[in-house]
Amino acid sequence: MTRFLVVLSDVRPVGAQVRDERACPERRRQVVGANSREAADRIAGAFAALGMVRAGRQRVKVIAVGRRRRVLPAERG
């Protein structure tokens, strides 16, 4: 079963040198879990209505976690 995380994070300044999320992730303000994509989209929509997001100082991300890799019949050993 795929779960989703909705992340509200700060936007880096334009002059920031490192833009790699894996090496230096943006500072998280809020993280909420959801069991379905529809629920995650509704939460993300609520976050997107916030003034800081609308002003471009924060951003909303929906991330799928726990997704199982689908094994095709040709890949089985």
C-alpha atoms as a PDB file:
ATOM      1  CA  MET A   1       0.000   0.000   0.000  1.00  0.00           C
ATOM      2  CA  THR A   2       1.333   3.385  -0.937  1.00  0.00           C
ATOM      3  CA  ARG A   3       1.245   6.115   1.662  1.00  0.00           C
ATOM      4  CA  PHE A   4       1.756   9.774   0.948  1.00  0.00           C
ATOM      5  CA  LEU A   5       3.462  12.575   2.831  1.00  0.00           C
ATOM      6  CA  VAL A   6       2.426  16.174   2.357  1.00  0.00           C
ATOM      7  CA  VAL A   7       5.341  18.453   3.190  1.00  0.00           C
ATOM      8  CA  LEU A   8       5.191  22.197   3.746  1.00  0.00           C
ATOM      9  CA  SER A   9       8.717  23.596   3.467  1.00  0.00           C
ATOM     10  CA  ASP A  10      10.531  26.915   3.228  1.00  0.00           C
ATOM     11  CA  VAL A  11      11.809  28.032  -0.169  1.00  0.00           C
ATOM     12  CA  ARG A  12      15.558  28.607  -0.378  1.00  0.00           C
ATOM     13  CA  PRO A  13      16.820  32.068  -1.273  1.00  0.00           C
ATOM     14  CA  VAL A  14      17.624  32.596  -4.956  1.00  0.00           C
ATOM     15  CA  GLY A  15      21.348  32.992  -4.259  1.00  0.00           C
ATOM     16  CA  ALA A  16      21.692  29.613  -2.509  1.00  0.00           C
ATOM     17  CA  GLN A  17      24.486  27.550  -4.052  1.00  0.00           C
ATOM     18  CA  VAL A  18      23.247  24.068  -3.131  1.00  0.00           C
ATOM     19  CA  ARG A  19      19.933  23.110  -4.760  1.00  0.00           C
ATOM     20  CA  ASP A  20      20.204  19.348  -4.204  1.00  0.00           C
ATOM     21  CA  GLU A  21      17.300  18.075  -2.068  1.00  0.00           C
ATOM     22  CA  ARG A  22      19.183  14.921  -1.086  1.00  0.00           C
ATOM     23  CA  ALA A  23      22.337  16.736   0.076  1.00  0.00           C
ATOM     24  CA  CYS A  24      20.664  19.761   1.655  1.00  0.00           C
ATOM     25  CA  PRO A  25      16.858  19.519   1.914  1.00  0.00           C
ATOM     26  CA  GLU A  26      14.685  22.565   2.437  1.00  0.00           C
ATOM     27  CA  ARG A  27      13.609  23.240   6.024  1.00  0.00           C
ATOM     28  CA  ARG A  28      10.306  21.504   6.744  1.00  0.00           C
ATOM     29  CA  ARG A  29       7.543  23.422   8.497  1.00  0.00           C
ATOM     30  CA  GLN A  30       4.868  20.716   8.587  1.00  0.00           C
ATOM     31  CA  VAL A  31       4.635  17.053   7.539  1.00  0.00           C
ATOM     32  CA  VAL A  32       1.293  15.238   7.336  1.00  0.00           C
ATOM     33  CA  GLY A  33       0.684  11.605   6.343  1.00  0.00           C
ATOM     34  CA  ALA A  34      -2.212  10.407   4.176  1.00  0.00           C
ATOM     35  CA  ASN A  35      -3.413   6.951   3.132  1.00  0.00           C
ATOM     36  CA  SER A  36      -4.665   7.908  -0.339  1.00  0.00           C
ATOM     37  CA  ARG A  37      -3.659  10.270  -3.116  1.00  0.00           C
ATOM     38  CA  GLU A  38      -7.022  12.027  -2.900  1.00  0.00           C
ATOM     39  CA  ALA A  39      -6.538  12.770   0.797  1.00  0.00           C
ATOM     40  CA  ALA A  40      -2.988  13.994   0.158  1.00  0.00           C
ATOM     41  CA  ASP A  41      -4.231  16.300  -2.603  1.00  0.00           C
ATOM     42  CA  ARG A  42      -6.881  17.778  -0.321  1.00  0.00           C
ATOM     43  CA  ILE A  43      -4.309  18.454   2.398  1.00  0.00           C
ATOM     44  CA  ALA A  44      -1.937  19.960  -0.170  1.00  0.00           C
ATOM     45  CA  GLY A  45      -4.747  22.188  -1.419  1.00  0.00           C
ATOM     46  CA  ALA A  46      -5.343  23.463   2.107  1.00  0.00           C
ATOM     47  CA  PHE A  47      -1.621  24.180   2.531  1.00  0.00           C
ATOM     48  CA  ALA A  48      -1.544  25.917  -0.867  1.00  0.00           C
ATOM     49  CA  ALA A  49      -4.173  28.388   0.364  1.00  0.00           C
ATOM     50  CA  LEU A  50      -1.811  29.685   3.071  1.00  0.00           C
ATOM     51  CA  GLY A  51      -0.462  33.187   2.600  1.00  0.00           C
ATOM     52  CA  MET A  52       3.213  32.182   2.788  1.00  0.00           C
ATOM     53  CA  VAL A  53       2.715  29.602   0.017  1.00  0.00           C
ATOM     54  CA  ARG A  54       0.792  32.047  -2.157  1.00  0.00           C
ATOM     55  CA  ALA A  55       3.545  34.634  -1.623  1.00  0.00           C
ATOM     56  CA  GLY A  56       6.193  32.133  -2.777  1.00  0.00           C
ATOM     57  CA  ARG A  57       8.054  31.845   0.537  1.00  0.00           C
ATOM     58  CA  GLN A  58       6.948  28.280   1.221  1.00  0.00           C
ATOM     59  CA  ARG A  59       6.076  25.328  -1.022  1.00  0.00           C
ATOM     60  CA  VAL A  60       3.933  22.206  -0.783  1.00  0.00           C
ATOM     61  CA  LYS A  61       5.151  18.785  -1.913  1.00  0.00           C
ATOM     62  CA  VAL A  62       3.257  15.473  -2.128  1.00  0.00           C
ATOM     63  CA  ILE A  63       5.628  12.518  -1.825  1.00  0.00           C
ATOM     64  CA  ALA A  64       4.702   8.849  -2.305  1.00  0.00           C
ATOM     65  CA  VAL A  65       6.381   6.595   0.267  1.00  0.00           C
ATOM     66  CA  GLY A  66       6.218   2.871   0.790  1.00  0.00           C
ATOM     67  CA  ARG A  67       5.473   2.225  -2.848  1.00  0.00           C
ATOM     68  CA  ARG A  68       6.219  -1.351  -3.766  1.00  0.00           C
ATOM     69  CA  ARG A  69       8.159  -1.978  -6.919  1.00  0.00           C
ATOM     70  CA  ARG A  70       6.060  -3.909  -9.388  1.00  0.00           C
ATOM     71  CA  VAL A  71       7.814  -7.071 -10.558  1.00  0.00           C
ATOM     72  CA  LEU A  72       7.092  -8.013 -14.150  1.00  0.00           C
ATOM     73  CA  PRO A  73       6.905 -11.726 -15.042  1.00  0.00           C
ATOM     74  CA  ALA A  74      10.073 -11.471 -17.176  1.00  0.00           C
ATOM     75  CA  GLU A  75      12.064 -10.159 -14.167  1.00  0.00           C
ATOM     76  CA  ARG A  76      11.294 -13.097 -11.908  1.00  0.00           C
ATOM     77  CA  GLY A  77      14.161 -15.538 -11.542  1.00  0.00           C
END
